[in-house]
N, C-alpha and C. Protein backbone atom coordinates (compact mmCIF):
# COMPACT_ATOMS: atom_id res chain seq x y z
N MET A 1 63.19 -47.18 -16.77
CA MET A 1 63.19 -48.23 -15.74
C MET A 1 62.19 -47.86 -14.64
N ARG A 2 61.43 -48.84 -14.20
CA ARG A 2 60.51 -48.65 -13.08
C ARG A 2 61.14 -49.22 -11.81
N VAL A 3 60.98 -48.48 -10.71
CA VAL A 3 61.55 -48.93 -9.43
C VAL A 3 60.40 -49.33 -8.50
N LEU A 4 60.43 -50.59 -8.04
CA LEU A 4 59.43 -51.09 -7.11
C LEU A 4 60.02 -51.09 -5.71
N GLY A 5 59.30 -50.51 -4.75
CA GLY A 5 59.71 -50.60 -3.35
C GLY A 5 59.06 -51.84 -2.75
N LEU A 6 59.87 -52.74 -2.24
CA LEU A 6 59.37 -53.98 -1.64
C LEU A 6 59.44 -53.86 -0.12
N THR A 7 58.31 -54.06 0.55
CA THR A 7 58.30 -53.93 2.00
C THR A 7 57.30 -54.89 2.60
N GLY A 8 57.25 -54.92 3.91
CA GLY A 8 56.36 -55.83 4.63
C GLY A 8 56.88 -55.98 6.04
N SER A 9 55.99 -56.22 6.97
CA SER A 9 56.40 -56.36 8.36
C SER A 9 57.23 -57.63 8.55
N ILE A 10 57.88 -57.70 9.70
CA ILE A 10 58.72 -58.86 10.03
C ILE A 10 57.90 -60.16 9.95
N GLY A 11 58.52 -61.20 9.39
CA GLY A 11 57.88 -62.51 9.35
C GLY A 11 56.85 -62.70 8.25
N MET A 12 56.73 -61.73 7.33
CA MET A 12 55.71 -61.82 6.28
C MET A 12 56.17 -62.62 5.06
N GLY A 13 57.50 -62.81 4.93
CA GLY A 13 58.02 -63.53 3.76
C GLY A 13 58.67 -62.62 2.74
N LYS A 14 59.09 -61.43 3.20
CA LYS A 14 59.67 -60.43 2.29
C LYS A 14 60.99 -60.90 1.69
N SER A 15 61.84 -61.52 2.51
CA SER A 15 63.15 -61.97 2.00
C SER A 15 62.97 -63.02 0.91
N THR A 16 62.03 -63.94 1.12
CA THR A 16 61.76 -64.97 0.11
C THR A 16 61.23 -64.32 -1.16
N THR A 17 60.34 -63.34 -1.01
CA THR A 17 59.78 -62.65 -2.18
C THR A 17 60.88 -61.91 -2.93
N ALA A 18 61.80 -61.27 -2.20
CA ALA A 18 62.93 -60.57 -2.84
C ALA A 18 63.78 -61.56 -3.64
N ARG A 19 64.02 -62.73 -3.04
CA ARG A 19 64.82 -63.77 -3.74
C ARG A 19 64.13 -64.21 -5.03
N LEU A 20 62.80 -64.32 -4.99
CA LEU A 20 62.06 -64.77 -6.17
C LEU A 20 62.03 -63.68 -7.25
N PHE A 21 62.03 -62.41 -6.86
CA PHE A 21 62.19 -61.33 -7.85
C PHE A 21 63.55 -61.47 -8.52
N SER A 22 64.57 -61.73 -7.71
CA SER A 22 65.93 -61.89 -8.23
C SER A 22 66.00 -63.08 -9.19
N GLU A 23 65.36 -64.19 -8.81
CA GLU A 23 65.33 -65.38 -9.67
C GLU A 23 64.63 -65.08 -11.00
N ALA A 24 63.69 -64.13 -10.97
CA ALA A 24 62.98 -63.74 -12.20
C ALA A 24 63.81 -62.78 -13.06
N GLY A 25 65.06 -62.53 -12.64
CA GLY A 25 65.96 -61.70 -13.43
C GLY A 25 65.92 -60.22 -13.11
N VAL A 26 65.28 -59.86 -12.00
CA VAL A 26 65.15 -58.45 -11.62
C VAL A 26 66.29 -58.08 -10.67
N PRO A 27 67.01 -56.97 -10.91
CA PRO A 27 68.02 -56.53 -9.94
C PRO A 27 67.34 -56.12 -8.63
N VAL A 28 67.87 -56.60 -7.50
CA VAL A 28 67.26 -56.33 -6.20
C VAL A 28 68.29 -55.69 -5.27
N TYR A 29 67.93 -54.55 -4.71
CA TYR A 29 68.77 -53.89 -3.69
C TYR A 29 68.25 -54.31 -2.33
N ASP A 30 69.14 -54.81 -1.49
CA ASP A 30 68.77 -55.32 -0.17
C ASP A 30 69.26 -54.34 0.90
N ALA A 31 68.34 -53.58 1.48
CA ALA A 31 68.73 -52.57 2.48
C ALA A 31 69.37 -53.21 3.70
N ASP A 32 68.83 -54.36 4.16
CA ASP A 32 69.41 -55.03 5.33
C ASP A 32 70.84 -55.48 5.08
N ALA A 33 71.10 -56.05 3.90
CA ALA A 33 72.46 -56.50 3.57
C ALA A 33 73.40 -55.31 3.52
N THR A 34 72.89 -54.17 3.03
CA THR A 34 73.73 -52.96 2.97
C THR A 34 74.03 -52.44 4.36
N VAL A 35 73.05 -52.55 5.27
CA VAL A 35 73.30 -52.16 6.67
C VAL A 35 74.43 -53.01 7.25
N HIS A 36 74.36 -54.33 7.02
CA HIS A 36 75.45 -55.22 7.49
C HIS A 36 76.79 -54.74 6.96
N LYS A 37 76.82 -54.41 5.67
CA LYS A 37 78.06 -54.00 5.02
C LYS A 37 78.63 -52.72 5.65
N ILE A 38 77.77 -51.70 5.84
CA ILE A 38 78.29 -50.45 6.39
C ILE A 38 78.60 -50.58 7.88
N TYR A 39 77.90 -51.48 8.58
CA TYR A 39 78.21 -51.73 10.00
C TYR A 39 79.60 -52.34 10.16
N GLU A 40 80.07 -52.98 9.11
CA GLU A 40 81.44 -53.55 9.16
C GLU A 40 82.44 -52.61 8.50
N GLY A 41 81.95 -51.47 8.00
CA GLY A 41 82.83 -50.54 7.29
C GLY A 41 82.67 -49.13 7.77
N GLU A 42 82.20 -48.25 6.86
CA GLU A 42 82.26 -46.81 7.13
C GLU A 42 81.39 -46.33 8.28
N ALA A 43 80.31 -47.05 8.60
CA ALA A 43 79.43 -46.59 9.67
C ALA A 43 80.00 -46.88 11.06
N ALA A 44 80.85 -47.90 11.16
CA ALA A 44 81.31 -48.36 12.48
C ALA A 44 81.96 -47.26 13.33
N PRO A 45 82.96 -46.52 12.80
CA PRO A 45 83.57 -45.50 13.66
C PRO A 45 82.61 -44.37 14.05
N VAL A 46 81.68 -44.03 13.15
CA VAL A 46 80.72 -42.95 13.44
C VAL A 46 79.75 -43.42 14.52
N ILE A 47 79.31 -44.67 14.42
CA ILE A 47 78.38 -45.22 15.42
C ILE A 47 79.08 -45.36 16.77
N GLU A 48 80.33 -45.79 16.76
CA GLU A 48 81.10 -45.92 18.02
C GLU A 48 81.23 -44.56 18.70
N ALA A 49 81.45 -43.51 17.89
CA ALA A 49 81.57 -42.16 18.46
C ALA A 49 80.25 -41.71 19.08
N ALA A 50 79.15 -42.06 18.44
CA ALA A 50 77.82 -41.65 18.94
C ALA A 50 77.35 -42.53 20.09
N PHE A 51 77.70 -43.82 20.02
CA PHE A 51 77.25 -44.80 21.03
C PHE A 51 78.45 -45.63 21.50
N PRO A 52 79.30 -45.05 22.36
CA PRO A 52 80.53 -45.74 22.77
C PRO A 52 80.25 -47.15 23.33
N GLY A 53 81.12 -48.09 22.92
CA GLY A 53 80.99 -49.46 23.43
C GLY A 53 80.10 -50.36 22.59
N THR A 54 79.65 -49.86 21.42
CA THR A 54 78.75 -50.68 20.59
C THR A 54 79.47 -51.34 19.42
N THR A 55 80.80 -51.18 19.35
CA THR A 55 81.54 -51.89 18.30
C THR A 55 82.56 -52.82 18.93
N VAL A 56 82.89 -53.87 18.18
CA VAL A 56 83.91 -54.85 18.61
C VAL A 56 84.81 -55.10 17.41
N ASP A 57 86.12 -54.94 17.61
CA ASP A 57 87.10 -55.14 16.52
C ASP A 57 86.75 -54.32 15.28
N GLY A 58 86.29 -53.07 15.50
CA GLY A 58 86.03 -52.18 14.37
C GLY A 58 84.74 -52.44 13.64
N LYS A 59 83.90 -53.34 14.18
CA LYS A 59 82.60 -53.62 13.54
C LYS A 59 81.50 -53.39 14.56
N VAL A 60 80.35 -52.94 14.07
CA VAL A 60 79.21 -52.72 14.96
C VAL A 60 78.71 -54.06 15.49
N ASP A 61 78.54 -54.14 16.81
CA ASP A 61 77.92 -55.31 17.43
C ASP A 61 76.42 -55.04 17.49
N ARG A 62 75.67 -55.71 16.63
CA ARG A 62 74.24 -55.39 16.47
C ARG A 62 73.46 -55.59 17.78
N GLU A 63 73.83 -56.60 18.54
CA GLU A 63 73.12 -56.86 19.81
C GLU A 63 73.32 -55.69 20.77
N LYS A 64 74.59 -55.24 20.89
CA LYS A 64 74.89 -54.12 21.80
C LYS A 64 74.22 -52.83 21.32
N LEU A 65 74.27 -52.60 20.03
CA LEU A 65 73.66 -51.38 19.49
C LEU A 65 72.14 -51.43 19.69
N SER A 66 71.55 -52.57 19.41
CA SER A 66 70.10 -52.73 19.57
C SER A 66 69.70 -52.46 21.02
N ALA A 67 70.46 -53.02 21.95
CA ALA A 67 70.15 -52.82 23.38
C ALA A 67 70.21 -51.33 23.74
N ARG A 68 71.12 -50.59 23.08
CA ARG A 68 71.30 -49.17 23.38
C ARG A 68 70.16 -48.31 22.82
N VAL A 69 69.64 -48.67 21.63
CA VAL A 69 68.70 -47.76 20.96
C VAL A 69 67.24 -48.22 20.95
N VAL A 70 66.99 -49.51 21.20
CA VAL A 70 65.66 -50.06 20.92
C VAL A 70 64.55 -49.43 21.76
N HIS A 71 64.86 -49.02 22.99
CA HIS A 71 63.82 -48.42 23.84
C HIS A 71 63.99 -46.90 23.98
N ASP A 72 64.81 -46.31 23.10
CA ASP A 72 65.13 -44.89 23.22
C ASP A 72 64.91 -44.21 21.87
N ALA A 73 63.79 -43.52 21.74
CA ALA A 73 63.42 -42.93 20.44
C ALA A 73 64.46 -41.92 19.95
N ALA A 74 65.02 -41.13 20.87
CA ALA A 74 66.01 -40.12 20.46
C ALA A 74 67.27 -40.80 19.94
N ALA A 75 67.69 -41.88 20.60
CA ALA A 75 68.88 -42.62 20.16
C ALA A 75 68.62 -43.26 18.79
N MET A 76 67.41 -43.78 18.60
CA MET A 76 67.06 -44.40 17.32
C MET A 76 67.11 -43.36 16.20
N THR A 77 66.61 -42.16 16.48
CA THR A 77 66.64 -41.08 15.49
C THR A 77 68.08 -40.71 15.15
N ARG A 78 68.93 -40.66 16.18
CA ARG A 78 70.35 -40.32 15.96
C ARG A 78 71.02 -41.38 15.09
N LEU A 79 70.71 -42.64 15.37
CA LEU A 79 71.28 -43.74 14.57
C LEU A 79 70.82 -43.62 13.12
N GLU A 80 69.54 -43.34 12.92
CA GLU A 80 69.00 -43.22 11.55
C GLU A 80 69.66 -42.07 10.80
N GLN A 81 69.97 -40.97 11.53
CA GLN A 81 70.63 -39.82 10.89
C GLN A 81 72.04 -40.18 10.41
N ILE A 82 72.65 -41.15 11.06
CA ILE A 82 73.98 -41.62 10.64
C ILE A 82 73.85 -42.56 9.45
N VAL A 83 72.93 -43.51 9.58
CA VAL A 83 72.86 -44.63 8.64
C VAL A 83 72.14 -44.29 7.33
N HIS A 84 71.05 -43.53 7.41
CA HIS A 84 70.22 -43.32 6.21
C HIS A 84 70.94 -42.64 5.05
N PRO A 85 71.76 -41.59 5.28
CA PRO A 85 72.47 -41.00 4.13
C PRO A 85 73.42 -42.00 3.46
N MET A 86 74.07 -42.85 4.25
CA MET A 86 74.96 -43.87 3.67
C MET A 86 74.16 -44.86 2.83
N LEU A 87 73.01 -45.30 3.37
CA LEU A 87 72.16 -46.25 2.64
C LEU A 87 71.64 -45.61 1.34
N HIS A 88 71.29 -44.33 1.43
CA HIS A 88 70.78 -43.64 0.23
C HIS A 88 71.83 -43.65 -0.88
N ALA A 89 73.09 -43.41 -0.52
CA ALA A 89 74.16 -43.39 -1.52
C ALA A 89 74.32 -44.76 -2.18
N TYR A 90 74.27 -45.83 -1.38
CA TYR A 90 74.38 -47.19 -1.93
C TYR A 90 73.19 -47.51 -2.85
N ARG A 91 71.98 -47.10 -2.42
CA ARG A 91 70.79 -47.40 -3.21
C ARG A 91 70.84 -46.67 -4.55
N GLN A 92 71.30 -45.41 -4.51
CA GLN A 92 71.38 -44.65 -5.75
C GLN A 92 72.40 -45.27 -6.71
N ALA A 93 73.52 -45.73 -6.17
CA ALA A 93 74.54 -46.38 -7.01
C ALA A 93 73.98 -47.66 -7.63
N PHE A 94 73.19 -48.41 -6.85
CA PHE A 94 72.55 -49.63 -7.36
C PHE A 94 71.60 -49.30 -8.52
N LEU A 95 70.77 -48.26 -8.33
CA LEU A 95 69.80 -47.90 -9.37
C LEU A 95 70.51 -47.41 -10.64
N ASP A 96 71.59 -46.66 -10.46
CA ASP A 96 72.36 -46.20 -11.63
C ASP A 96 72.91 -47.38 -12.41
N ARG A 97 73.42 -48.39 -11.69
CA ARG A 97 73.95 -49.60 -12.35
C ARG A 97 72.84 -50.35 -13.09
N ALA A 98 71.69 -50.52 -12.41
CA ALA A 98 70.57 -51.26 -13.02
C ALA A 98 70.11 -50.56 -14.30
N GLU A 99 70.09 -49.24 -14.27
CA GLU A 99 69.68 -48.47 -15.46
C GLU A 99 70.69 -48.67 -16.59
N ARG A 100 71.97 -48.65 -16.25
CA ARG A 100 73.02 -48.85 -17.26
C ARG A 100 72.92 -50.25 -17.88
N TRP A 101 72.54 -51.24 -17.06
CA TRP A 101 72.40 -52.61 -17.58
C TRP A 101 71.16 -52.78 -18.44
N GLY A 102 70.29 -51.77 -18.46
CA GLY A 102 69.10 -51.84 -19.29
C GLY A 102 67.94 -52.57 -18.64
N ALA A 103 67.90 -52.63 -17.30
CA ALA A 103 66.79 -53.31 -16.61
C ALA A 103 65.49 -52.53 -16.82
N ASP A 104 64.39 -53.27 -17.07
CA ASP A 104 63.07 -52.63 -17.19
C ASP A 104 62.51 -52.28 -15.82
N VAL A 105 62.81 -53.16 -14.85
CA VAL A 105 62.30 -53.00 -13.48
C VAL A 105 63.43 -53.31 -12.51
N ALA A 106 63.53 -52.52 -11.44
CA ALA A 106 64.46 -52.83 -10.35
C ALA A 106 63.66 -52.81 -9.05
N VAL A 107 64.11 -53.59 -8.08
CA VAL A 107 63.41 -53.68 -6.79
C VAL A 107 64.33 -53.17 -5.69
N VAL A 108 63.80 -52.30 -4.83
CA VAL A 108 64.53 -51.92 -3.62
C VAL A 108 63.79 -52.53 -2.43
N ASP A 109 64.46 -53.43 -1.73
CA ASP A 109 63.89 -54.16 -0.59
C ASP A 109 64.21 -53.37 0.67
N VAL A 110 63.20 -52.68 1.21
CA VAL A 110 63.40 -51.79 2.37
C VAL A 110 62.35 -52.11 3.43
N PRO A 111 62.76 -52.75 4.55
CA PRO A 111 61.78 -53.14 5.57
C PRO A 111 60.93 -51.97 6.08
N LEU A 112 61.55 -50.81 6.33
CA LEU A 112 60.82 -49.67 6.88
C LEU A 112 60.56 -48.62 5.80
N LEU A 113 60.09 -49.06 4.65
CA LEU A 113 59.89 -48.16 3.51
C LEU A 113 58.93 -47.02 3.85
N PHE A 114 57.73 -47.35 4.33
CA PHE A 114 56.75 -46.31 4.67
C PHE A 114 57.22 -45.49 5.86
N GLU A 115 57.81 -46.19 6.86
CA GLU A 115 58.20 -45.51 8.10
C GLU A 115 59.28 -44.46 7.86
N THR A 116 60.06 -44.62 6.78
CA THR A 116 61.14 -43.67 6.50
C THR A 116 60.83 -42.77 5.30
N GLY A 117 59.58 -42.82 4.81
CA GLY A 117 59.19 -41.97 3.67
C GLY A 117 59.74 -42.45 2.34
N GLY A 118 60.22 -43.69 2.30
CA GLY A 118 60.85 -44.22 1.09
C GLY A 118 59.91 -44.42 -0.08
N GLU A 119 58.60 -44.46 0.19
CA GLU A 119 57.64 -44.66 -0.91
C GLU A 119 57.66 -43.50 -1.90
N LYS A 120 58.18 -42.34 -1.47
CA LYS A 120 58.26 -41.18 -2.37
C LYS A 120 59.37 -41.34 -3.42
N HIS A 121 60.24 -42.32 -3.21
CA HIS A 121 61.40 -42.48 -4.11
C HIS A 121 61.28 -43.70 -5.01
N VAL A 122 60.07 -44.29 -5.08
CA VAL A 122 59.86 -45.45 -5.95
C VAL A 122 58.64 -45.17 -6.84
N ASP A 123 58.47 -45.99 -7.88
CA ASP A 123 57.34 -45.81 -8.79
C ASP A 123 56.10 -46.57 -8.33
N ALA A 124 56.29 -47.62 -7.56
CA ALA A 124 55.16 -48.39 -7.02
C ALA A 124 55.65 -49.16 -5.81
N VAL A 125 54.71 -49.50 -4.92
CA VAL A 125 55.06 -50.22 -3.68
C VAL A 125 54.43 -51.61 -3.70
N VAL A 126 55.27 -52.61 -3.38
CA VAL A 126 54.81 -53.99 -3.24
C VAL A 126 54.88 -54.35 -1.76
N VAL A 127 53.74 -54.71 -1.17
CA VAL A 127 53.70 -55.09 0.24
C VAL A 127 53.50 -56.60 0.34
N VAL A 128 54.36 -57.23 1.15
CA VAL A 128 54.28 -58.68 1.38
C VAL A 128 53.52 -58.91 2.68
N THR A 129 52.59 -59.86 2.64
CA THR A 129 51.74 -60.09 3.81
C THR A 129 51.51 -61.59 4.02
N THR A 130 50.98 -61.93 5.18
CA THR A 130 50.52 -63.29 5.47
C THR A 130 49.53 -63.17 6.63
N THR A 131 49.05 -64.30 7.14
CA THR A 131 48.11 -64.24 8.26
C THR A 131 48.87 -63.94 9.55
N PRO A 132 48.22 -63.32 10.55
CA PRO A 132 48.89 -63.06 11.83
C PRO A 132 49.45 -64.33 12.47
N ALA A 133 48.75 -65.45 12.33
CA ALA A 133 49.21 -66.70 12.95
C ALA A 133 50.51 -67.19 12.30
N ILE A 134 50.56 -67.16 10.96
CA ILE A 134 51.78 -67.60 10.25
C ILE A 134 52.93 -66.63 10.57
N GLN A 135 52.63 -65.33 10.59
CA GLN A 135 53.66 -64.33 10.90
C GLN A 135 54.29 -64.62 12.26
N ARG A 136 53.46 -64.80 13.27
CA ARG A 136 53.95 -65.02 14.63
C ARG A 136 54.79 -66.31 14.72
N GLU A 137 54.29 -67.35 14.07
CA GLU A 137 54.99 -68.64 14.08
C GLU A 137 56.38 -68.50 13.45
N ARG A 138 56.46 -67.80 12.32
CA ARG A 138 57.75 -67.61 11.64
C ARG A 138 58.73 -66.82 12.51
N ILE A 139 58.22 -65.76 13.14
CA ILE A 139 59.12 -64.88 13.91
C ILE A 139 59.64 -65.59 15.15
N LEU A 140 58.75 -66.24 15.88
CA LEU A 140 59.17 -66.87 17.14
C LEU A 140 60.06 -68.09 16.91
N ALA A 141 60.12 -68.56 15.66
CA ALA A 141 61.04 -69.67 15.33
C ALA A 141 62.48 -69.17 15.15
N ARG A 142 62.67 -67.86 15.09
CA ARG A 142 64.02 -67.30 14.88
C ARG A 142 64.85 -67.38 16.15
N ASP A 143 66.17 -67.45 15.96
CA ASP A 143 67.09 -67.45 17.11
C ASP A 143 66.96 -66.14 17.87
N ASN A 144 67.10 -66.20 19.17
CA ASN A 144 67.12 -65.01 20.04
C ASN A 144 65.86 -64.16 19.98
N MET A 145 64.75 -64.73 19.51
CA MET A 145 63.53 -63.95 19.45
C MET A 145 62.65 -64.27 20.66
N THR A 146 62.16 -63.22 21.29
CA THR A 146 61.27 -63.39 22.45
C THR A 146 59.98 -62.61 22.19
N ASP A 147 58.96 -62.86 23.00
CA ASP A 147 57.70 -62.11 22.88
C ASP A 147 57.93 -60.62 23.06
N ASP A 148 58.77 -60.25 24.05
CA ASP A 148 59.05 -58.83 24.31
C ASP A 148 59.70 -58.17 23.11
N LYS A 149 60.71 -58.87 22.56
CA LYS A 149 61.44 -58.32 21.42
C LYS A 149 60.49 -58.13 20.24
N LEU A 150 59.64 -59.13 20.05
CA LEU A 150 58.67 -59.08 18.95
C LEU A 150 57.73 -57.89 19.11
N THR A 151 57.25 -57.67 20.32
CA THR A 151 56.34 -56.55 20.58
C THR A 151 57.02 -55.22 20.26
N THR A 152 58.31 -55.09 20.66
CA THR A 152 59.06 -53.85 20.40
C THR A 152 59.25 -53.63 18.91
N ILE A 153 59.59 -54.70 18.18
CA ILE A 153 59.80 -54.59 16.72
C ILE A 153 58.50 -54.18 16.04
N LEU A 154 57.41 -54.85 16.39
CA LEU A 154 56.13 -54.57 15.74
C LEU A 154 55.66 -53.14 16.04
N ALA A 155 56.01 -52.62 17.22
CA ALA A 155 55.62 -51.25 17.58
C ALA A 155 56.28 -50.22 16.67
N ARG A 156 57.45 -50.56 16.11
CA ARG A 156 58.17 -49.63 15.23
C ARG A 156 57.66 -49.70 13.78
N GLN A 157 56.88 -50.75 13.48
CA GLN A 157 56.43 -50.95 12.11
C GLN A 157 54.96 -50.55 11.97
N LEU A 158 54.63 -49.98 10.83
CA LEU A 158 53.23 -49.67 10.55
C LEU A 158 52.43 -50.96 10.57
N PRO A 159 51.18 -50.94 11.03
CA PRO A 159 50.37 -52.15 10.99
C PRO A 159 50.23 -52.68 9.56
N ASP A 160 50.16 -54.00 9.44
CA ASP A 160 50.08 -54.65 8.14
C ASP A 160 48.89 -54.12 7.33
N ALA A 161 47.74 -53.94 7.97
CA ALA A 161 46.54 -53.47 7.25
C ALA A 161 46.79 -52.11 6.61
N GLU A 162 47.51 -51.23 7.32
CA GLU A 162 47.79 -49.90 6.76
C GLU A 162 48.75 -50.01 5.58
N LYS A 163 49.77 -50.87 5.72
CA LYS A 163 50.70 -51.05 4.60
C LYS A 163 49.95 -51.55 3.36
N ARG A 164 49.09 -52.53 3.57
CA ARG A 164 48.35 -53.09 2.42
C ARG A 164 47.46 -52.02 1.78
N SER A 165 46.88 -51.16 2.61
CA SER A 165 45.98 -50.13 2.06
C SER A 165 46.75 -49.10 1.24
N ARG A 166 48.05 -48.95 1.50
CA ARG A 166 48.87 -47.98 0.78
C ARG A 166 49.67 -48.60 -0.36
N ALA A 167 49.54 -49.91 -0.55
CA ALA A 167 50.33 -50.62 -1.56
C ALA A 167 49.72 -50.49 -2.95
N ASP A 168 50.58 -50.56 -3.96
CA ASP A 168 50.12 -50.70 -5.34
C ASP A 168 49.88 -52.17 -5.65
N PHE A 169 50.71 -53.04 -5.06
CA PHE A 169 50.60 -54.48 -5.25
C PHE A 169 50.75 -55.17 -3.90
N VAL A 170 50.00 -56.25 -3.69
CA VAL A 170 50.13 -57.05 -2.47
C VAL A 170 50.50 -58.47 -2.86
N VAL A 171 51.49 -59.03 -2.15
CA VAL A 171 51.89 -60.43 -2.35
C VAL A 171 51.58 -61.17 -1.05
N ASP A 172 50.68 -62.15 -1.13
CA ASP A 172 50.31 -62.95 0.05
C ASP A 172 51.12 -64.24 0.02
N THR A 173 51.97 -64.41 1.05
CA THR A 173 52.86 -65.58 1.07
C THR A 173 52.26 -66.77 1.82
N SER A 174 50.96 -66.68 2.15
CA SER A 174 50.32 -67.76 2.91
C SER A 174 50.11 -69.02 2.08
N HIS A 175 50.17 -68.88 0.73
CA HIS A 175 49.76 -69.99 -0.14
C HIS A 175 50.93 -70.69 -0.84
N GLY A 176 52.16 -70.44 -0.37
CA GLY A 176 53.31 -71.17 -0.93
C GLY A 176 54.04 -70.41 -2.02
N ILE A 177 55.20 -70.95 -2.37
CA ILE A 177 56.15 -70.25 -3.26
C ILE A 177 55.62 -70.15 -4.70
N ASP A 178 54.94 -71.18 -5.20
CA ASP A 178 54.45 -71.12 -6.58
C ASP A 178 53.45 -69.98 -6.75
N HIS A 179 52.62 -69.78 -5.74
CA HIS A 179 51.66 -68.67 -5.77
C HIS A 179 52.41 -67.33 -5.84
N VAL A 180 53.48 -67.20 -5.04
CA VAL A 180 54.27 -65.95 -5.03
C VAL A 180 54.93 -65.74 -6.39
N ARG A 181 55.49 -66.81 -6.97
CA ARG A 181 56.12 -66.68 -8.31
C ARG A 181 55.11 -66.16 -9.34
N GLY A 182 53.89 -66.70 -9.31
CA GLY A 182 52.86 -66.26 -10.24
C GLY A 182 52.51 -64.80 -10.04
N ARG A 183 52.42 -64.40 -8.78
CA ARG A 183 52.09 -63.01 -8.45
C ARG A 183 53.20 -62.08 -8.94
N ILE A 184 54.45 -62.50 -8.80
CA ILE A 184 55.58 -61.67 -9.27
C ILE A 184 55.50 -61.48 -10.78
N ARG A 185 55.15 -62.54 -11.51
CA ARG A 185 55.01 -62.39 -12.97
C ARG A 185 53.95 -61.35 -13.32
N GLU A 186 52.83 -61.39 -12.59
CA GLU A 186 51.75 -60.41 -12.83
C GLU A 186 52.24 -58.99 -12.53
N ILE A 187 52.94 -58.84 -11.42
CA ILE A 187 53.42 -57.51 -11.01
C ILE A 187 54.40 -56.95 -12.04
N LEU A 188 55.33 -57.78 -12.51
CA LEU A 188 56.32 -57.29 -13.47
C LEU A 188 55.66 -56.87 -14.78
N ALA A 189 54.64 -57.62 -15.21
CA ALA A 189 53.93 -57.26 -16.45
C ALA A 189 53.23 -55.92 -16.30
N GLU A 190 52.63 -55.71 -15.13
CA GLU A 190 51.91 -54.46 -14.89
C GLU A 190 52.86 -53.28 -14.68
N ALA A 191 53.93 -53.53 -13.91
CA ALA A 191 54.87 -52.45 -13.55
C ALA A 191 55.51 -51.85 -14.78
N ALA A 192 55.80 -52.69 -15.78
CA ALA A 192 56.47 -52.20 -16.98
C ALA A 192 55.61 -51.17 -17.72
N LYS A 193 54.28 -51.21 -17.51
CA LYS A 193 53.37 -50.30 -18.21
C LYS A 193 52.99 -49.08 -17.37
N MET A 194 53.43 -49.06 -16.11
CA MET A 194 53.03 -47.96 -15.21
C MET A 194 53.76 -46.67 -15.52
N PRO A 195 53.12 -45.53 -15.26
CA PRO A 195 53.85 -44.26 -15.40
C PRO A 195 54.89 -44.12 -14.29
N ARG A 196 55.97 -43.44 -14.59
CA ARG A 196 56.99 -43.20 -13.57
C ARG A 196 56.48 -42.18 -12.55
N ARG A 197 56.65 -42.49 -11.27
CA ARG A 197 56.15 -41.58 -10.22
C ARG A 197 57.25 -40.85 -9.47
N ARG A 198 58.41 -41.50 -9.38
CA ARG A 198 59.45 -40.91 -8.53
C ARG A 198 60.01 -39.65 -9.18
N PRO A 199 60.56 -38.75 -8.35
CA PRO A 199 61.07 -37.48 -8.90
C PRO A 199 62.26 -37.71 -9.82
C-alpha cells in the first residue's frame, strides 16, 4: 500500500480534494476531524490541566484554546506535545485498517504536514493550491474570520510556493471540480507504481 500525504495552506481546497479522493474509493484519514474527536474525548482533561479554563462541559472550547495559544509559541509547542502522540496513534490505526482492507493507496489529510515533519511518514506528498486571490476570497468568506486571524494562520504555515516545490504531486483547484477529479485519477495511477519511501 502507498500512503499519500495530502496538504495545502488554508483556503486552497484541500477538504474538497480529500472528499474527491474518498469518492474515488481511497481511504482518507482526516487529521482535523480526529482533532475534533480527541478534543471531545481523551485530550480534553490533559489540555484543561495544561491550559485551565479552556474546556466547557468536558470538551475543549476551540475558541478559548486558540485565544490562549495562537500568539504564544511556547504554549503552541506544549499543545502539540499533548495532541500529536494521540493523533499519531489514530493515524497508525487507520493505516493498519486500510492495509487489512487491501487498499492500494491511502491518503492522510494533514494541514501542517511539512510543518510537523509528517512528510517523512508518507510515500509521496500531494499539495493542493490555488491563486492567492481565490485563496483569500475563500478564507474571508468563513464565519469568524478576520484579516488579523488570517495573517496569524498564514504565518504558521509554510508559504504555498515552498510546499509546491517540495511536493510529488500538485493539485490546482482554480479550474473546478472536474479538473481536480481528473488530476486525482492521474495521481492514483502514478502512486500505485511508486517505490515505498516511508520507514
